[in-house]
Amino acid sequence: MIDKTRRLNDIDDATQHVTQIFPSDTNLTCTFTAHANANTWSAWTEITDSGATKLSDACAVDPLHLTAMGIETLSEENAIYMIEIAWGTAKNLITSGRFAGATKFQTPTEHLRFWAPTIPRGELIYYRMKTDTAVADICTIHFRYHCD
């Protein structure tokens, strides 16, 4: 039997929450780096900012929900980028995305929104990225998230 009250509370939590931003200040960045070979995933890498703060620090006490990723800069305007975000040693996939520089898509995506599964308390959060170029392209991003 489905607990209807719990389901309604879950829906309410998913639609009404205050989000936070990672990295948490204007002088910090979060950079993703692609593999140097075209169409090849980089190694899974823990998500950190330029101040060495881990995104997973945000879920040290409570479970975390990622709700969006903003793309701030791209090293290559003529490339298509793909990312995957996962948690834990098993790399449980949370979400994936595709975006490109201004010369590849008519209207470049600048903000990816998603309804990602919950990241359990205390888990590490990882990314991997690839592009269609034979260069280790980079992008800077930020996340919007909330905790339970």
Protein backbone atom coordinates (compact mmCIF):
# COMPACT_ATOMS: atom_id res chain seq x y z
CA MET A 1 0.00 0.00 0.00
CA ILE A 2 1.34 3.42 -0.95
CA ASP A 3 1.55 5.90 1.90
CA LYS A 4 -0.36 8.78 0.29
CA THR A 5 0.61 11.29 2.98
CA ARG A 6 4.28 10.53 2.45
CA ARG A 7 3.88 10.85 -1.33
CA LEU A 8 2.17 14.23 -0.93
CA ASN A 9 4.93 15.39 1.40
CA ASP A 10 7.55 14.26 -1.15
CA ILE A 11 5.78 16.22 -3.91
CA ASP A 12 5.51 19.26 -1.66
CA ASP A 13 9.23 19.06 -0.80
CA ALA A 14 10.16 18.75 -4.47
CA THR A 15 8.17 21.80 -5.51
CA GLN A 16 8.75 24.12 -2.54
CA HIS A 17 12.26 24.58 -1.23
CA VAL A 18 14.95 27.17 -0.82
CA THR A 19 17.93 26.38 -3.01
CA GLN A 20 21.55 27.12 -2.34
CA ILE A 21 24.41 27.70 -4.78
CA PHE A 22 27.69 25.83 -5.21
CA PRO A 23 30.30 27.35 -5.32
CA SER A 24 29.04 29.54 -2.52
CA ASP A 25 30.79 32.82 -3.32
CA THR A 26 31.65 35.05 -6.29
CA ASN A 27 35.40 34.54 -5.97
CA LEU A 28 35.08 30.73 -6.36
CA THR A 29 34.68 28.63 -9.49
CA CYS A 30 33.83 25.02 -10.28
CA THR A 31 35.62 23.68 -13.35
CA PHE A 32 34.92 20.50 -15.30
CA THR A 33 37.58 19.10 -17.65
CA ALA A 34 36.93 16.78 -20.58
CA HIS A 35 39.17 13.94 -21.75
CA ALA A 36 41.82 15.02 -24.29
CA ASN A 37 40.46 12.52 -26.86
CA ALA A 38 37.29 13.31 -28.79
CA ASN A 39 34.13 11.55 -27.62
CA THR A 40 35.89 9.89 -24.66
CA TRP A 41 34.70 10.27 -21.09
CA SER A 42 37.13 11.76 -18.60
CA ALA A 43 37.77 9.84 -15.40
CA TRP A 44 35.17 10.25 -12.65
CA THR A 45 36.32 13.22 -10.55
CA GLU A 46 34.91 14.50 -7.28
CA ILE A 47 33.20 17.88 -7.70
CA THR A 48 35.09 20.64 -5.88
CA ASP A 49 35.37 24.39 -6.16
CA SER A 50 38.53 26.45 -6.57
CA GLY A 51 38.75 26.82 -2.78
CA ALA A 52 38.87 23.00 -2.38
CA THR A 53 35.33 22.80 -0.95
CA LYS A 54 33.57 19.61 -2.05
CA LEU A 55 29.96 19.67 -3.25
CA SER A 56 29.52 16.53 -1.15
CA ASP A 57 30.25 18.62 1.98
CA ALA A 58 26.71 19.99 1.50
CA CYS A 59 25.26 16.51 2.11
CA ALA A 60 27.46 15.54 5.04
CA VAL A 61 24.51 15.79 7.45
CA ASP A 62 21.37 15.67 5.26
CA PRO A 63 20.50 14.10 1.89
CA LEU A 64 20.92 16.48 -1.06
CA HIS A 65 18.95 17.19 -4.24
CA LEU A 66 20.61 18.85 -7.23
CA THR A 67 18.04 20.94 -9.09
CA ALA A 68 20.03 22.80 -11.75
CA MET A 69 23.44 23.41 -13.26
CA GLY A 70 24.39 26.77 -14.77
CA ILE A 71 27.02 26.88 -17.49
CA GLU A 72 29.16 29.97 -17.00
CA THR A 73 32.10 29.66 -19.42
CA LEU A 74 33.30 27.27 -22.13
CA SER A 75 36.88 26.94 -23.34
CA GLU A 76 35.71 26.05 -26.86
CA GLU A 77 32.77 27.81 -28.51
CA ASN A 78 32.88 25.32 -31.38
CA ALA A 79 32.41 22.16 -29.29
CA ILE A 80 29.59 20.00 -28.01
CA TYR A 81 29.93 19.02 -24.34
CA MET A 82 28.34 16.10 -22.50
CA ILE A 83 28.43 15.60 -18.73
CA GLU A 84 27.31 12.99 -16.23
CA ILE A 85 26.86 13.53 -12.50
CA ALA A 86 26.91 10.56 -10.09
CA TRP A 87 27.29 9.73 -6.41
CA GLY A 88 29.06 7.03 -4.42
CA THR A 89 31.75 4.51 -5.23
CA ALA A 90 29.37 2.73 -7.64
CA LYS A 91 28.89 6.03 -9.55
CA ASN A 92 25.09 5.97 -9.26
CA LEU A 93 23.97 8.24 -12.09
CA ILE A 94 22.05 11.34 -10.99
CA THR A 95 21.71 13.18 -14.28
CA SER A 96 23.36 13.81 -17.61
CA GLY A 97 23.40 16.81 -19.90
CA ARG A 98 24.44 18.09 -23.28
CA PHE A 99 25.30 21.68 -24.18
CA ALA A 100 27.46 23.53 -26.68
CA GLY A 101 29.21 26.73 -27.54
CA ALA A 102 27.42 29.47 -29.44
CA THR A 103 28.73 28.37 -32.84
CA LYS A 104 27.29 24.83 -32.54
CA PHE A 105 23.70 25.38 -31.37
CA GLN A 106 21.38 28.20 -32.40
CA THR A 107 20.59 29.07 -28.80
CA PRO A 108 23.19 27.68 -26.42
CA THR A 109 21.84 26.12 -23.27
CA GLU A 110 22.97 28.14 -20.29
CA HIS A 111 21.02 26.44 -17.52
CA LEU A 112 20.23 22.72 -17.19
CA ARG A 113 17.32 21.96 -14.85
CA PHE A 114 16.64 18.47 -13.60
CA TRP A 115 14.68 16.38 -11.09
CA ALA A 116 17.60 14.37 -9.83
CA PRO A 117 17.29 11.48 -7.38
CA THR A 118 18.32 12.09 -3.78
CA ILE A 119 22.01 11.88 -2.96
CA PRO A 120 22.23 10.05 0.38
CA ARG A 121 23.84 11.72 3.36
CA GLY A 122 27.62 11.37 3.48
CA GLU A 123 28.16 10.30 -0.16
CA LEU A 124 30.72 11.79 -2.52
CA ILE A 125 29.52 13.48 -5.73
CA TYR A 126 31.37 13.05 -9.03
CA TYR A 127 31.34 14.26 -12.63
CA ARG A 128 32.79 13.13 -15.92
CA MET A 129 32.76 15.02 -19.20
CA LYS A 130 33.53 14.61 -22.88
CA THR A 131 33.49 16.83 -25.95
CA ASP A 132 33.63 16.27 -29.68
CA THR A 133 37.11 17.82 -29.93
CA ALA A 134 40.51 16.23 -29.38
CA VAL A 135 41.30 18.74 -26.64
CA ALA A 136 40.83 18.66 -22.86
CA ASP A 137 38.09 21.32 -23.06
CA ILE A 138 36.92 22.91 -19.84
CA CYS A 139 33.78 24.63 -18.63
CA THR A 140 32.96 26.47 -15.45
CA ILE A 141 29.62 25.79 -13.87
CA HIS A 142 27.58 26.28 -10.74
CA PHE A 143 24.89 24.13 -9.12
CA ARG A 144 21.61 24.92 -7.40
CA TYR A 145 20.70 22.41 -4.70
CA HIS A 146 18.69 21.89 -1.54
CA CYS A 147 18.99 19.51 1.39
CA ASP A 148 16.24 17.50 3.09
